[in-house]
Amino acid sequence: MVQLLAIQKAKESFLRQKSQQQLVNCGDSNSRFFYSMVKTRQAKNTIKQLVTETGTIVEDIEEIGHEAVEFYKKLLGTQDTKLKRVTVDTLRKMLKFHLEEDSVNLCAMVTTDEIREVVMGIKKGKAPGPDRYSAQFFQEH
């Protein structure tokens, strides 16, 4: 029974993260509304077609992926002509700090307590990064 509850709780946590709904409370994971929200979000976040540089419309998921990779490969190593060149002195004036003084703090080791404090300070249900795991996952595990 305990294992079943743990599995159900893990499933709810996974689905909550997937739907990114803060409305989900205990017992909501079995509702039709909840699952429709997950499906709607998946459909909304899916690229169904892509227009290539030549104007061709691509609808196959593998071709879409290939076109996206090729597009960004062409950007690699190129310069943005709209950006102005910025000097180190300009950056120092903008940021108002002295690199020598702050470099000590930048190179200091991060402690486990500092990490724990930051993770525990994140609001439950919020995703701290691109891994899509909510803060609640890390707080409970």
N, C-alpha and C. Protein backbone atom coordinates (compact mmCIF):
# COMPACT_ATOMS: atom_id res chain seq x y z
N MET A 1 0.82 -1.19 0.00
CA MET A 1 0.00 0.00 0.00
C MET A 1 0.86 1.26 0.00
N VAL A 2 1.95 1.23 0.80
CA VAL A 2 2.85 2.37 0.89
C VAL A 2 3.53 2.60 -0.47
N GLN A 3 3.93 1.49 -1.12
CA GLN A 3 4.57 1.61 -2.43
C GLN A 3 3.60 2.20 -3.46
N LEU A 4 2.34 1.78 -3.40
CA LEU A 4 1.32 2.29 -4.33
C LEU A 4 1.13 3.80 -4.14
N LEU A 5 1.09 4.25 -2.89
CA LEU A 5 0.96 5.68 -2.62
C LEU A 5 2.18 6.45 -3.11
N ALA A 6 3.36 5.87 -2.92
CA ALA A 6 4.59 6.51 -3.38
C ALA A 6 4.61 6.63 -4.90
N ILE A 7 4.17 5.57 -5.57
CA ILE A 7 4.12 5.59 -7.04
C ILE A 7 3.11 6.63 -7.51
N GLN A 8 1.95 6.68 -6.86
CA GLN A 8 0.92 7.65 -7.22
C GLN A 8 1.44 9.08 -7.00
N LYS A 9 2.15 9.29 -5.91
CA LYS A 9 2.70 10.61 -5.61
C LYS A 9 3.74 11.01 -6.65
N ALA A 10 4.59 10.06 -7.05
CA ALA A 10 5.61 10.32 -8.07
C ALA A 10 4.95 10.63 -9.42
N LYS A 11 3.87 9.90 -9.73
CA LYS A 11 3.15 10.13 -10.98
C LYS A 11 2.52 11.53 -10.98
N GLU A 12 1.91 11.91 -9.87
CA GLU A 12 1.31 13.25 -9.75
C GLU A 12 2.39 14.33 -9.91
N SER A 13 3.54 14.11 -9.29
CA SER A 13 4.64 15.07 -9.38
C SER A 13 5.11 15.21 -10.82
N PHE A 14 5.25 14.09 -11.50
CA PHE A 14 5.66 14.10 -12.90
C PHE A 14 4.64 14.84 -13.77
N LEU A 15 3.37 14.53 -13.59
CA LEU A 15 2.33 15.17 -14.39
C LEU A 15 2.20 16.66 -14.06
N ARG A 16 2.39 17.01 -12.80
CA ARG A 16 2.33 18.42 -12.40
C ARG A 16 3.43 19.20 -13.12
N GLN A 17 4.62 18.61 -13.17
CA GLN A 17 5.73 19.26 -13.85
C GLN A 17 5.45 19.35 -15.35
N LYS A 18 4.87 18.30 -15.89
CA LYS A 18 4.62 18.25 -17.32
C LYS A 18 3.57 19.27 -17.73
N SER A 19 2.55 19.42 -16.95
CA SER A 19 1.49 20.36 -17.32
C SER A 19 1.80 21.78 -16.87
N GLN A 20 2.69 21.90 -15.91
CA GLN A 20 3.05 23.20 -15.32
C GLN A 20 1.82 23.92 -14.79
N GLN A 21 0.92 23.17 -14.23
CA GLN A 21 -0.28 23.73 -13.62
C GLN A 21 -0.07 23.82 -12.11
N GLN A 22 -0.34 24.95 -11.53
CA GLN A 22 -0.24 25.08 -10.08
C GLN A 22 -1.58 24.75 -9.42
N LEU A 23 -2.58 24.44 -10.24
CA LEU A 23 -3.91 24.16 -9.71
C LEU A 23 -4.06 22.74 -9.20
N VAL A 24 -3.08 21.90 -9.50
CA VAL A 24 -3.20 20.49 -9.17
C VAL A 24 -3.01 20.27 -7.67
N ASN A 25 -4.03 19.73 -7.05
CA ASN A 25 -3.95 19.36 -5.64
C ASN A 25 -4.09 17.86 -5.53
N CYS A 26 -3.97 17.34 -4.35
CA CYS A 26 -4.09 15.90 -4.14
C CYS A 26 -5.40 15.39 -4.72
N GLY A 27 -5.34 14.36 -5.56
CA GLY A 27 -6.55 13.78 -6.13
C GLY A 27 -6.88 14.33 -7.51
N ASP A 28 -6.28 15.43 -7.91
CA ASP A 28 -6.60 16.02 -9.21
C ASP A 28 -5.94 15.27 -10.37
N SER A 29 -4.96 14.44 -10.07
CA SER A 29 -4.21 13.80 -11.15
C SER A 29 -5.07 12.86 -11.97
N ASN A 30 -6.22 12.42 -11.46
CA ASN A 30 -7.06 11.51 -12.21
C ASN A 30 -8.17 12.21 -12.98
N SER A 31 -8.20 13.52 -12.92
CA SER A 31 -9.31 14.21 -13.58
C SER A 31 -9.09 14.33 -15.09
N ARG A 32 -10.15 14.33 -15.81
CA ARG A 32 -10.12 14.48 -17.26
C ARG A 32 -9.54 15.85 -17.63
N PHE A 33 -9.90 16.86 -16.84
CA PHE A 33 -9.40 18.21 -17.09
C PHE A 33 -7.87 18.25 -17.03
N PHE A 34 -7.32 17.61 -16.02
CA PHE A 34 -5.87 17.61 -15.84
C PHE A 34 -5.17 16.99 -17.04
N TYR A 35 -5.63 15.82 -17.48
CA TYR A 35 -5.01 15.15 -18.61
C TYR A 35 -5.21 15.94 -19.90
N SER A 36 -6.34 16.61 -20.04
CA SER A 36 -6.55 17.42 -21.25
C SER A 36 -5.60 18.61 -21.25
N MET A 37 -5.27 19.15 -20.07
CA MET A 37 -4.32 20.24 -19.99
C MET A 37 -2.92 19.77 -20.41
N VAL A 38 -2.54 18.56 -20.02
CA VAL A 38 -1.24 18.01 -20.42
C VAL A 38 -1.19 17.86 -21.93
N LYS A 39 -2.25 17.28 -22.52
CA LYS A 39 -2.29 17.07 -23.97
C LYS A 39 -2.30 18.40 -24.72
N THR A 40 -3.04 19.38 -24.20
CA THR A 40 -3.09 20.69 -24.84
C THR A 40 -1.72 21.35 -24.84
N ARG A 41 -1.04 21.25 -23.72
CA ARG A 41 0.30 21.85 -23.62
C ARG A 41 1.27 21.17 -24.56
N GLN A 42 1.20 19.83 -24.67
CA GLN A 42 2.09 19.12 -25.58
C GLN A 42 1.83 19.54 -27.02
N ALA A 43 0.55 19.65 -27.38
CA ALA A 43 0.20 20.05 -28.75
C ALA A 43 0.66 21.47 -29.04
N LYS A 44 0.50 22.35 -28.04
CA LYS A 44 0.89 23.75 -28.19
C LYS A 44 2.40 23.90 -28.37
N ASN A 45 3.18 23.06 -27.70
CA ASN A 45 4.64 23.17 -27.73
C ASN A 45 5.29 22.33 -28.83
N THR A 46 4.50 21.75 -29.71
CA THR A 46 5.03 20.93 -30.79
C THR A 46 5.13 21.75 -32.06
N ILE A 47 6.27 21.69 -32.72
CA ILE A 47 6.43 22.35 -34.01
C ILE A 47 5.91 21.38 -35.06
N LYS A 48 4.82 21.76 -35.71
CA LYS A 48 4.18 20.87 -36.68
C LYS A 48 4.70 21.06 -38.10
N GLN A 49 5.17 22.27 -38.40
CA GLN A 49 5.77 22.50 -39.71
C GLN A 49 6.75 23.65 -39.62
N LEU A 50 7.66 23.67 -40.61
CA LEU A 50 8.73 24.65 -40.62
C LEU A 50 8.95 25.09 -42.06
N VAL A 51 9.13 26.38 -42.28
CA VAL A 51 9.44 26.89 -43.61
C VAL A 51 10.95 27.07 -43.69
N THR A 52 11.58 26.40 -44.64
CA THR A 52 13.03 26.47 -44.78
C THR A 52 13.45 27.77 -45.44
N GLU A 53 14.77 27.99 -45.51
CA GLU A 53 15.30 29.21 -46.13
C GLU A 53 14.93 29.29 -47.61
N THR A 54 14.70 28.14 -48.25
CA THR A 54 14.34 28.13 -49.67
C THR A 54 12.83 28.29 -49.87
N GLY A 55 12.08 28.32 -48.75
CA GLY A 55 10.62 28.49 -48.84
C GLY A 55 9.85 27.18 -48.84
N THR A 56 10.54 26.07 -48.74
CA THR A 56 9.89 24.76 -48.69
C THR A 56 9.27 24.53 -47.32
N ILE A 57 8.07 23.98 -47.30
CA ILE A 57 7.40 23.66 -46.04
C ILE A 57 7.74 22.21 -45.66
N VAL A 58 8.29 22.05 -44.48
CA VAL A 58 8.69 20.73 -43.97
C VAL A 58 7.74 20.35 -42.84
N GLU A 59 7.17 19.12 -42.90
CA GLU A 59 6.23 18.69 -41.87
C GLU A 59 6.68 17.43 -41.12
N ASP A 60 7.65 16.71 -41.66
CA ASP A 60 8.16 15.51 -41.01
C ASP A 60 9.02 15.92 -39.82
N ILE A 61 8.79 15.29 -38.66
CA ILE A 61 9.46 15.69 -37.41
C ILE A 61 10.99 15.57 -37.53
N GLU A 62 11.48 14.53 -38.20
CA GLU A 62 12.92 14.37 -38.35
C GLU A 62 13.50 15.43 -39.28
N GLU A 63 12.76 15.78 -40.34
CA GLU A 63 13.23 16.83 -41.26
C GLU A 63 13.22 18.19 -40.56
N ILE A 64 12.22 18.43 -39.72
CA ILE A 64 12.16 19.68 -38.95
C ILE A 64 13.39 19.79 -38.06
N GLY A 65 13.72 18.70 -37.37
CA GLY A 65 14.91 18.67 -36.52
C GLY A 65 16.18 18.92 -37.32
N HIS A 66 16.27 18.27 -38.47
CA HIS A 66 17.45 18.43 -39.33
C HIS A 66 17.59 19.88 -39.80
N GLU A 67 16.50 20.48 -40.23
CA GLU A 67 16.51 21.88 -40.70
C GLU A 67 16.91 22.84 -39.59
N ALA A 68 16.41 22.59 -38.37
CA ALA A 68 16.75 23.45 -37.24
C ALA A 68 18.23 23.36 -36.93
N VAL A 69 18.79 22.15 -36.93
CA VAL A 69 20.22 21.97 -36.66
C VAL A 69 21.05 22.67 -37.73
N GLU A 70 20.68 22.49 -38.99
CA GLU A 70 21.43 23.12 -40.08
C GLU A 70 21.37 24.65 -40.01
N PHE A 71 20.21 25.18 -39.65
CA PHE A 71 20.05 26.63 -39.52
C PHE A 71 21.01 27.19 -38.48
N TYR A 72 21.08 26.54 -37.32
CA TYR A 72 21.95 27.04 -36.25
C TYR A 72 23.43 26.75 -36.52
N LYS A 73 23.72 25.69 -37.28
CA LYS A 73 25.11 25.43 -37.67
C LYS A 73 25.64 26.57 -38.52
N LYS A 74 24.78 27.09 -39.41
CA LYS A 74 25.19 28.21 -40.27
C LYS A 74 25.45 29.47 -39.46
N LEU A 75 24.76 29.63 -38.33
CA LEU A 75 24.97 30.81 -37.49
C LEU A 75 26.25 30.73 -36.68
N LEU A 76 26.71 29.51 -36.39
CA LEU A 76 27.91 29.33 -35.59
C LEU A 76 29.11 30.00 -36.24
N GLY A 77 29.81 30.81 -35.46
CA GLY A 77 31.02 31.45 -35.95
C GLY A 77 30.78 32.74 -36.72
N THR A 78 29.53 33.13 -36.91
CA THR A 78 29.25 34.38 -37.61
C THR A 78 29.13 35.51 -36.61
N GLN A 79 29.26 36.74 -37.09
CA GLN A 79 29.15 37.90 -36.23
C GLN A 79 27.81 38.58 -36.45
N ASP A 80 27.28 39.14 -35.37
CA ASP A 80 26.06 39.94 -35.45
C ASP A 80 26.47 41.36 -35.83
N THR A 81 26.06 41.79 -37.01
CA THR A 81 26.47 43.11 -37.50
C THR A 81 25.76 44.25 -36.77
N LYS A 82 24.72 43.95 -36.03
CA LYS A 82 23.97 44.98 -35.32
C LYS A 82 24.60 45.36 -33.97
N LEU A 83 25.48 44.49 -33.45
CA LEU A 83 26.11 44.76 -32.16
C LEU A 83 27.26 45.73 -32.31
N LYS A 84 27.36 46.66 -31.37
CA LYS A 84 28.49 47.59 -31.35
C LYS A 84 29.61 46.97 -30.54
N ARG A 85 30.83 47.29 -30.89
CA ARG A 85 31.98 46.77 -30.16
C ARG A 85 32.08 47.49 -28.81
N VAL A 86 32.24 46.72 -27.74
CA VAL A 86 32.31 47.28 -26.40
C VAL A 86 33.69 47.00 -25.82
N THR A 87 34.28 48.01 -25.23
CA THR A 87 35.61 47.85 -24.62
C THR A 87 35.46 47.40 -23.17
N VAL A 88 36.55 46.89 -22.62
CA VAL A 88 36.56 46.46 -21.22
C VAL A 88 36.30 47.65 -20.30
N ASP A 89 36.87 48.80 -20.64
CA ASP A 89 36.65 50.00 -19.82
C ASP A 89 35.17 50.38 -19.78
N THR A 90 34.51 50.28 -20.92
CA THR A 90 33.07 50.59 -20.96
C THR A 90 32.29 49.63 -20.08
N LEU A 91 32.65 48.35 -20.14
CA LEU A 91 31.97 47.36 -19.30
C LEU A 91 32.19 47.64 -17.82
N ARG A 92 33.41 47.99 -17.46
CA ARG A 92 33.70 48.29 -16.05
C ARG A 92 32.87 49.46 -15.55
N LYS A 93 32.74 50.49 -16.39
CA LYS A 93 31.92 51.64 -16.01
C LYS A 93 30.45 51.26 -15.87
N MET A 94 29.98 50.40 -16.77
CA MET A 94 28.58 49.99 -16.73
C MET A 94 28.29 49.13 -15.50
N LEU A 95 29.20 48.23 -15.18
CA LEU A 95 28.97 47.28 -14.10
C LEU A 95 29.38 47.81 -12.73
N LYS A 96 30.21 48.85 -12.71
CA LYS A 96 30.62 49.51 -11.47
C LYS A 96 31.22 48.54 -10.45
N PHE A 97 32.17 47.76 -10.85
CA PHE A 97 32.87 46.91 -9.90
C PHE A 97 34.33 46.79 -10.31
N HIS A 98 35.14 46.42 -9.37
CA HIS A 98 36.56 46.22 -9.63
C HIS A 98 36.82 44.73 -9.69
N LEU A 99 37.27 44.28 -10.81
CA LEU A 99 37.45 42.86 -11.06
C LEU A 99 38.35 42.20 -10.03
N GLU A 100 39.42 42.86 -9.62
CA GLU A 100 40.36 42.26 -8.68
C GLU A 100 39.70 41.94 -7.34
N GLU A 101 38.85 42.85 -6.86
CA GLU A 101 38.19 42.64 -5.56
C GLU A 101 37.14 41.54 -5.64
N ASP A 102 36.38 41.52 -6.71
CA ASP A 102 35.28 40.56 -6.83
C ASP A 102 35.74 39.19 -7.32
N SER A 103 36.91 39.11 -7.92
CA SER A 103 37.37 37.82 -8.45
C SER A 103 37.56 36.78 -7.35
N VAL A 104 37.86 37.23 -6.15
CA VAL A 104 38.02 36.30 -5.03
C VAL A 104 36.71 35.58 -4.77
N ASN A 105 35.61 36.32 -4.76
CA ASN A 105 34.29 35.72 -4.53
C ASN A 105 33.85 34.85 -5.70
N LEU A 106 34.23 35.23 -6.91
CA LEU A 106 33.83 34.47 -8.09
C LEU A 106 34.51 33.10 -8.14
N CYS A 107 35.70 33.02 -7.57
CA CYS A 107 36.46 31.78 -7.61
C CYS A 107 36.26 30.91 -6.37
N ALA A 108 35.52 31.41 -5.39
CA ALA A 108 35.32 30.65 -4.15
C ALA A 108 34.46 29.42 -4.42
N MET A 109 34.73 28.35 -3.67
CA MET A 109 33.95 27.13 -3.80
C MET A 109 32.54 27.35 -3.24
N VAL A 110 31.56 26.77 -3.92
CA VAL A 110 30.18 26.84 -3.46
C VAL A 110 29.99 25.72 -2.44
N THR A 111 29.39 26.07 -1.30
CA THR A 111 29.21 25.06 -0.25
C THR A 111 27.87 24.35 -0.41
N THR A 112 27.78 23.19 0.19
CA THR A 112 26.53 22.43 0.17
C THR A 112 25.42 23.21 0.85
N ASP A 113 25.74 23.92 1.92
CA ASP A 113 24.74 24.73 2.63
C ASP A 113 24.20 25.84 1.74
N GLU A 114 25.07 26.47 0.93
CA GLU A 114 24.61 27.52 0.02
C GLU A 114 23.66 26.96 -1.03
N ILE A 115 24.00 25.80 -1.57
CA ILE A 115 23.14 25.15 -2.57
C ILE A 115 21.80 24.79 -1.94
N ARG A 116 21.84 24.19 -0.75
CA ARG A 116 20.61 23.79 -0.05
C ARG A 116 19.72 25.01 0.21
N GLU A 117 20.32 26.12 0.64
CA GLU A 117 19.57 27.34 0.94
C GLU A 117 18.86 27.87 -0.31
N VAL A 118 19.56 27.86 -1.43
CA VAL A 118 18.97 28.35 -2.67
C VAL A 118 17.85 27.43 -3.13
N VAL A 119 18.08 26.12 -3.13
CA VAL A 119 17.07 25.17 -3.59
C VAL A 119 15.83 25.22 -2.70
N MET A 120 16.01 25.29 -1.41
CA MET A 120 14.87 25.34 -0.49
C MET A 120 14.12 26.67 -0.59
N GLY A 121 14.78 27.69 -1.11
CA GLY A 121 14.14 29.01 -1.23
C GLY A 121 13.30 29.17 -2.49
N ILE A 122 13.41 28.19 -3.42
CA ILE A 122 12.63 28.27 -4.66
C ILE A 122 11.20 27.83 -4.37
N LYS A 123 10.25 28.55 -4.93
CA LYS A 123 8.84 28.24 -4.75
C LYS A 123 8.51 26.87 -5.34
N LYS A 124 7.73 26.05 -4.64
CA LYS A 124 7.37 24.72 -5.13
C LYS A 124 6.64 24.85 -6.47
N GLY A 125 6.91 23.91 -7.38
CA GLY A 125 6.27 23.94 -8.68
C GLY A 125 7.01 24.77 -9.72
N LYS A 126 8.03 25.50 -9.29
CA LYS A 126 8.81 26.32 -10.22
C LYS A 126 10.00 25.51 -10.73
N ALA A 127 10.31 25.66 -11.99
CA ALA A 127 11.44 24.94 -12.58
C ALA A 127 12.68 25.81 -12.53
N PRO A 128 13.76 25.36 -11.86
CA PRO A 128 14.96 26.17 -11.75
C PRO A 128 15.80 26.20 -13.02
N GLY A 129 15.57 25.29 -13.95
CA GLY A 129 16.41 25.29 -15.15
C GLY A 129 15.84 24.46 -16.27
N PRO A 130 16.63 24.23 -17.30
CA PRO A 130 16.15 23.55 -18.50
C PRO A 130 15.88 22.06 -18.33
N ASP A 131 16.23 21.48 -17.19
CA ASP A 131 15.99 20.05 -16.98
C ASP A 131 14.53 19.75 -16.73
N ARG A 132 13.71 20.78 -16.52
CA ARG A 132 12.26 20.69 -16.35
C ARG A 132 11.84 20.04 -15.03
N TYR A 133 12.76 19.77 -14.13
CA TYR A 133 12.40 19.27 -12.82
C TYR A 133 11.99 20.45 -11.96
N SER A 134 10.89 20.31 -11.26
CA SER A 134 10.45 21.41 -10.40
C SER A 134 11.32 21.44 -9.14
N ALA A 135 11.27 22.59 -8.47
CA ALA A 135 12.03 22.74 -7.23
C ALA A 135 11.54 21.74 -6.19
N GLN A 136 10.26 21.42 -6.23
CA GLN A 136 9.68 20.47 -5.27
C GLN A 136 10.38 19.12 -5.37
N PHE A 137 10.73 18.70 -6.58
CA PHE A 137 11.43 17.42 -6.77
C PHE A 137 12.73 17.41 -5.98
N PHE A 138 13.52 18.48 -6.09
CA PHE A 138 14.80 18.54 -5.41
C PHE A 138 14.63 18.75 -3.91
N GLN A 139 13.58 19.46 -3.51
CA GLN A 139 13.35 19.70 -2.10
C GLN A 139 12.95 18.42 -1.38
N GLU A 140 12.24 17.53 -2.06
CA GLU A 140 11.76 16.29 -1.43
C GLU A 140 12.72 15.13 -1.58
N HIS A 141 13.65 15.22 -2.51
CA HIS A 141 14.58 14.11 -2.74
C HIS A 141 15.94 14.57 -2.40
